[in-house]
Protein backbone atom coordinates (compact mmCIF):
# COMPACT_ATOMS: atom_id res chain seq x y z
CA MET A 1 -16.08 -11.34 -0.52
CA LYS A 2 -17.61 -8.78 -2.18
CA PRO A 3 -17.88 -5.06 -0.84
CA GLY A 4 -21.18 -4.00 0.75
CA PRO A 5 -24.45 -4.19 -1.27
CA ALA A 6 -25.01 -0.46 -1.08
CA LEU A 7 -22.19 0.32 -3.71
CA PRO A 8 -23.29 -0.36 -7.52
CA ASP A 9 -20.45 -1.80 -9.62
CA GLY A 10 -20.36 1.43 -11.44
CA ILE A 11 -19.48 3.33 -8.57
CA LEU A 12 -16.99 0.54 -7.66
CA MET A 13 -15.59 0.64 -10.90
CA ALA A 14 -15.11 4.58 -10.87
CA GLY A 15 -13.84 4.40 -7.45
CA ALA A 16 -10.99 1.99 -7.99
CA PHE A 17 -9.96 3.86 -11.03
CA VAL A 18 -9.75 7.30 -8.96
CA THR A 19 -8.24 5.50 -6.13
CA GLY A 20 -5.57 3.87 -8.42
CA LEU A 21 -4.68 6.97 -10.30
CA VAL A 22 -4.58 9.21 -7.41
CA ILE A 23 -2.50 6.98 -5.00
CA GLY A 24 -0.62 5.36 -8.11
CA CYS A 25 0.86 8.70 -8.86
CA TYR A 26 1.62 9.29 -5.03
CA ASP A 27 3.12 5.93 -4.97
CA GLY A 28 5.60 6.68 -7.93
CA PHE A 29 6.51 9.78 -7.06
CA PHE A 30 6.95 9.49 -3.31
CA GLY A 31 5.87 6.01 -2.22
CA PRO A 32 5.69 5.53 1.56
CA GLY A 33 2.44 4.85 2.90
CA ALA A 34 0.96 4.25 -0.49
CA GLY A 35 -0.15 0.80 0.92
CA MET A 36 -1.44 1.87 4.21
CA PHE A 37 -3.92 4.24 1.78
CA PHE A 38 -4.88 1.97 -0.48
CA THR A 39 -5.77 -0.27 2.49
CA LEU A 40 -7.67 2.91 3.93
CA VAL A 41 -9.52 3.91 0.77
CA LEU A 42 -10.58 0.11 0.23
CA THR A 43 -11.93 -0.36 3.88
CA VAL A 44 -13.87 3.10 4.19
CA CYS A 45 -14.93 3.94 0.45
CA LEU A 46 -15.41 0.63 -1.12
CA ARG A 47 -16.41 -1.34 2.18
CA LEU A 48 -14.42 -4.04 1.61
CA ASP A 49 -13.44 -6.20 5.10
CA LEU A 50 -9.67 -5.16 6.48
CA VAL A 51 -8.09 -8.41 5.44
CA MET A 52 -9.73 -8.83 1.71
CA ALA A 53 -8.45 -4.82 1.75
CA SER A 54 -4.83 -5.60 2.71
CA GLY A 55 -4.78 -8.83 0.23
CA THR A 56 -6.13 -6.56 -2.63
CA THR A 57 -3.87 -3.82 -1.46
CA LYS A 58 -0.67 -6.12 -2.16
CA VAL A 59 -2.18 -7.08 -5.58
CA ILE A 60 -2.49 -3.08 -6.40
CA ASN A 61 0.98 -2.19 -4.86
CA LEU A 62 2.62 -5.22 -6.92
CA ALA A 63 1.49 -3.55 -10.10
CA SER A 64 2.52 0.04 -8.96
CA ASN A 65 5.87 -0.95 -7.91
CA ILE A 66 6.47 -2.72 -11.18
CA ALA A 67 5.57 0.28 -12.85
CA SER A 68 7.95 2.36 -10.55
CA ALA A 69 11.02 -0.04 -10.53
CA VAL A 70 10.70 -0.12 -14.51
CA THR A 71 10.70 3.58 -14.96
CA PHE A 72 13.99 3.97 -12.49
CA ILE A 73 15.76 1.04 -13.79
CA ILE A 74 15.32 2.56 -17.40
CA ALA A 75 16.60 6.12 -15.89
CA GLY A 76 19.68 3.98 -14.66
CA LYS A 77 18.76 4.79 -10.64
CA VAL A 78 19.07 1.80 -9.10
CA MET A 79 21.71 0.75 -6.84
CA TYR A 80 21.67 -3.22 -7.44
CA THR A 81 24.13 -3.93 -4.54
CA ILE A 82 21.50 -2.58 -2.09
CA ALA A 83 18.32 -3.30 -3.98
CA ILE A 84 18.93 -7.04 -4.41
CA PRO A 85 19.51 -8.17 -0.68
CA CYS A 86 16.65 -5.97 0.30
CA ILE A 87 14.40 -7.71 -2.22
CA PHE A 88 15.43 -11.13 -0.52
CA CYS A 89 14.51 -10.03 2.89
CA SER A 90 11.61 -8.06 1.86
CA ILE A 91 10.07 -11.31 0.33
CA SER A 92 10.67 -13.17 3.32
CA GLY A 93 9.28 -10.38 5.78
CA ASN A 94 6.20 -10.21 3.48
CA PHE A 95 6.13 -13.68 3.68
CA LEU A 96 5.79 -13.80 6.94
CA GLY A 97 3.44 -10.87 7.92
CA SER A 98 0.78 -12.04 5.00
CA ARG A 99 0.66 -15.31 7.22
CA LEU A 100 0.26 -13.60 10.27
CA ALA A 101 -2.51 -11.28 8.77
CA ILE A 102 -4.04 -14.24 7.28
CA LYS A 103 -4.24 -16.26 10.31
CA ASN A 104 -4.91 -13.58 12.99
CA GLY A 105 -7.26 -11.02 10.56
CA ALA A 106 -8.30 -7.49 11.75
CA ARG A 107 -7.45 -8.01 15.20
CA PHE A 108 -3.68 -7.95 14.20
CA ILE A 109 -3.77 -5.53 11.35
CA ARG A 110 -5.81 -2.84 12.98
CA PRO A 111 -3.21 -1.96 15.38
CA LEU A 112 -0.22 -1.93 13.00
CA ILE A 113 -2.25 0.27 10.72
CA ALA A 114 -2.66 2.88 13.46
CA ALA A 115 1.14 2.44 14.68
CA VAL A 116 2.08 3.01 11.04
CA SER A 117 -0.08 5.67 10.35
CA VAL A 118 1.38 7.69 13.45
CA LEU A 119 4.89 6.96 12.64
CA LEU A 120 4.39 8.19 9.01
CA PHE A 121 2.49 11.26 9.67
CA ALA A 122 4.93 12.15 12.41
CA ARG A 123 7.83 11.72 10.10
CA THR A 124 6.40 13.53 7.28
CA GLY A 125 5.20 16.40 9.70
CA TYR A 126 8.95 16.22 11.09
CA ASP A 127 10.51 16.61 7.34
CA PHE A 128 8.00 19.22 6.36
CA PHE A 129 8.70 21.57 9.56
CA ALA A 130 12.49 20.86 9.37
CA GLY A 131 12.50 22.08 5.80
CA ARG A 132 13.87 18.63 4.62
């Protein structure tokens, strides 16, 4: 599905480059919520429907995570005894979540995005004001 016709391809490409650079830097440095930010930008600014934006976000996030993972691996900052079990569980959880999103669409994704947004902002605000 293509974005709405009101946005010319040049604007879409520029938006994609800016979005990728800004949120990619955030994702590499901090990480939590980057997928949510990508999904919000893709739906609000680039006008993709929620399921298409969610799927597109997964591909963008994969690229961003590979870049970050390679950087952290080269720097020797990965604890494999934790990472490897988490990888397998994450793959399983992502498979199940993706199937639910595809099957149930926006009516399933929208409340989850809202809940994750509230939790993320609450945690970030708490950490900020608690001086962490």
